[in-house]
């Protein structure tokens, strides 16, 4: 369904977030769907497990509400 819209961005790509480049071990690539211009704005990412727990869902929702 989304395969056609997924875009791969590497650290050498101008679309790669400037602030993400500044962390100790930035990811070598990002897989994105949607408006890439949003990567240059203030944002929050939540990365989690494929086998999420009830607590994980609760914590992600609480963190997202604060962003």
C-alpha atoms as a PDB file:
ATOM      1  CA  UNK A   1       0.000   0.000   0.000  1.00  0.00           C
ATOM      2  CA  UNK A   2       2.668   2.559   1.028  1.00  0.00           C
ATOM      3  CA  UNK A   3       5.555   1.092  -0.956  1.00  0.00           C
ATOM      4  CA  UNK A   4       5.246   3.705  -3.688  1.00  0.00           C
ATOM      5  CA  UNK A   5       5.386   6.594  -1.206  1.00  0.00           C
ATOM      6  CA  UNK A   6       8.364   5.485   0.914  1.00  0.00           C
ATOM      7  CA  UNK A   7      11.456   7.645   0.438  1.00  0.00           C
ATOM      8  CA  UNK A   8      14.961   6.755   1.632  1.00  0.00           C
ATOM      9  CA  UNK A   9      17.095   9.646   2.907  1.00  0.00           C
ATOM     10  CA  UNK A  10      20.789   9.230   3.735  1.00  0.00           C
ATOM     11  CA  UNK A  11      23.054  11.496   5.817  1.00  0.00           C
ATOM     12  CA  UNK A  12      24.390  13.002   2.570  1.00  0.00           C
ATOM     13  CA  UNK A  13      20.918  14.072   1.423  1.00  0.00           C
ATOM     14  CA  UNK A  14      20.000  17.773   1.914  1.00  0.00           C
ATOM     15  CA  UNK A  15      16.601  16.638   3.275  1.00  0.00           C
ATOM     16  CA  UNK A  16      18.317  14.838   6.208  1.00  0.00           C
ATOM     17  CA  UNK A  17      17.442  16.750   9.417  1.00  0.00           C
ATOM     18  CA  UNK A  18      20.215  19.151  10.442  1.00  0.00           C
ATOM     19  CA  UNK A  19      19.771  18.536  14.173  1.00  0.00           C
ATOM     20  CA  UNK A  20      19.797  14.776  13.716  1.00  0.00           C
ATOM     21  CA  UNK A  21      23.258  15.033  12.110  1.00  0.00           C
ATOM     22  CA  UNK A  22      24.552  16.516  15.376  1.00  0.00           C
ATOM     23  CA  UNK A  23      23.864  13.551  17.665  1.00  0.00           C
ATOM     24  CA  UNK A  24      26.633  11.105  18.547  1.00  0.00           C
ATOM     25  CA  UNK A  25      25.520   8.233  16.302  1.00  0.00           C
ATOM     26  CA  UNK A  26      22.916   9.500  13.813  1.00  0.00           C
ATOM     27  CA  UNK A  27      21.139   6.870  11.733  1.00  0.00           C
ATOM     28  CA  UNK A  28      22.721   6.356   8.331  1.00  0.00           C
ATOM     29  CA  UNK A  29      19.380   6.416   6.614  1.00  0.00           C
ATOM     30  CA  UNK A  30      15.785   7.375   7.246  1.00  0.00           C
ATOM     31  CA  UNK A  31      12.735   5.853   5.566  1.00  0.00           C
ATOM     32  CA  UNK A  32      10.029   8.480   5.236  1.00  0.00           C
ATOM     33  CA  UNK A  33       6.443   8.817   4.107  1.00  0.00           C
ATOM     34  CA  UNK A  34       4.843  12.230   3.646  1.00  0.00           C
ATOM     35  CA  UNK A  35       6.017  15.834   3.558  1.00  0.00           C
ATOM     36  CA  UNK A  36       9.830  15.839   3.796  1.00  0.00           C
ATOM     37  CA  UNK A  37       9.875  19.560   4.616  1.00  0.00           C
ATOM     38  CA  UNK A  38       8.550  18.631   8.051  1.00  0.00           C
ATOM     39  CA  UNK A  39      11.948  17.038   8.789  1.00  0.00           C
ATOM     40  CA  UNK A  40      13.399  20.554   9.024  1.00  0.00           C
ATOM     41  CA  UNK A  41      10.879  21.726  11.629  1.00  0.00           C
ATOM     42  CA  UNK A  42      10.743  21.136  15.366  1.00  0.00           C
ATOM     43  CA  UNK A  43       9.453  17.616  15.877  1.00  0.00           C
ATOM     44  CA  UNK A  44       9.479  14.573  18.128  1.00  0.00           C
ATOM     45  CA  UNK A  45       9.968  10.958  17.119  1.00  0.00           C
ATOM     46  CA  UNK A  46       8.840   7.957  19.085  1.00  0.00           C
ATOM     47  CA  UNK A  47      10.480   4.673  18.182  1.00  0.00           C
ATOM     48  CA  UNK A  48       9.190   1.489  19.684  1.00  0.00           C
ATOM     49  CA  UNK A  49       8.793  -2.229  19.457  1.00  0.00           C
ATOM     50  CA  UNK A  50       6.662  -4.167  17.013  1.00  0.00           C
ATOM     51  CA  UNK A  51       5.313  -6.071  20.018  1.00  0.00           C
ATOM     52  CA  UNK A  52       4.093  -3.105  22.011  1.00  0.00           C
ATOM     53  CA  UNK A  53       2.843  -3.457  25.568  1.00  0.00           C
ATOM     54  CA  UNK A  54      -0.057  -1.635  27.158  1.00  0.00           C
ATOM     55  CA  UNK A  55       2.424   0.488  29.094  1.00  0.00           C
ATOM     56  CA  UNK A  56       4.299   1.314  25.881  1.00  0.00           C
ATOM     57  CA  UNK A  57       1.121   2.568  24.233  1.00  0.00           C
ATOM     58  CA  UNK A  58       0.244   4.629  27.308  1.00  0.00           C
ATOM     59  CA  UNK A  59       3.744   6.151  27.559  1.00  0.00           C
ATOM     60  CA  UNK A  60       3.902   7.004  23.829  1.00  0.00           C
ATOM     61  CA  UNK A  61       0.514   8.712  24.006  1.00  0.00           C
ATOM     62  CA  UNK A  62       1.559  10.747  27.057  1.00  0.00           C
ATOM     63  CA  UNK A  63       4.840  11.812  25.428  1.00  0.00           C
ATOM     64  CA  UNK A  64       3.086  12.697  22.174  1.00  0.00           C
ATOM     65  CA  UNK A  65       0.585  14.890  24.051  1.00  0.00           C
ATOM     66  CA  UNK A  66       3.471  16.980  25.413  1.00  0.00           C
ATOM     67  CA  UNK A  67       5.109  17.549  22.017  1.00  0.00           C
END
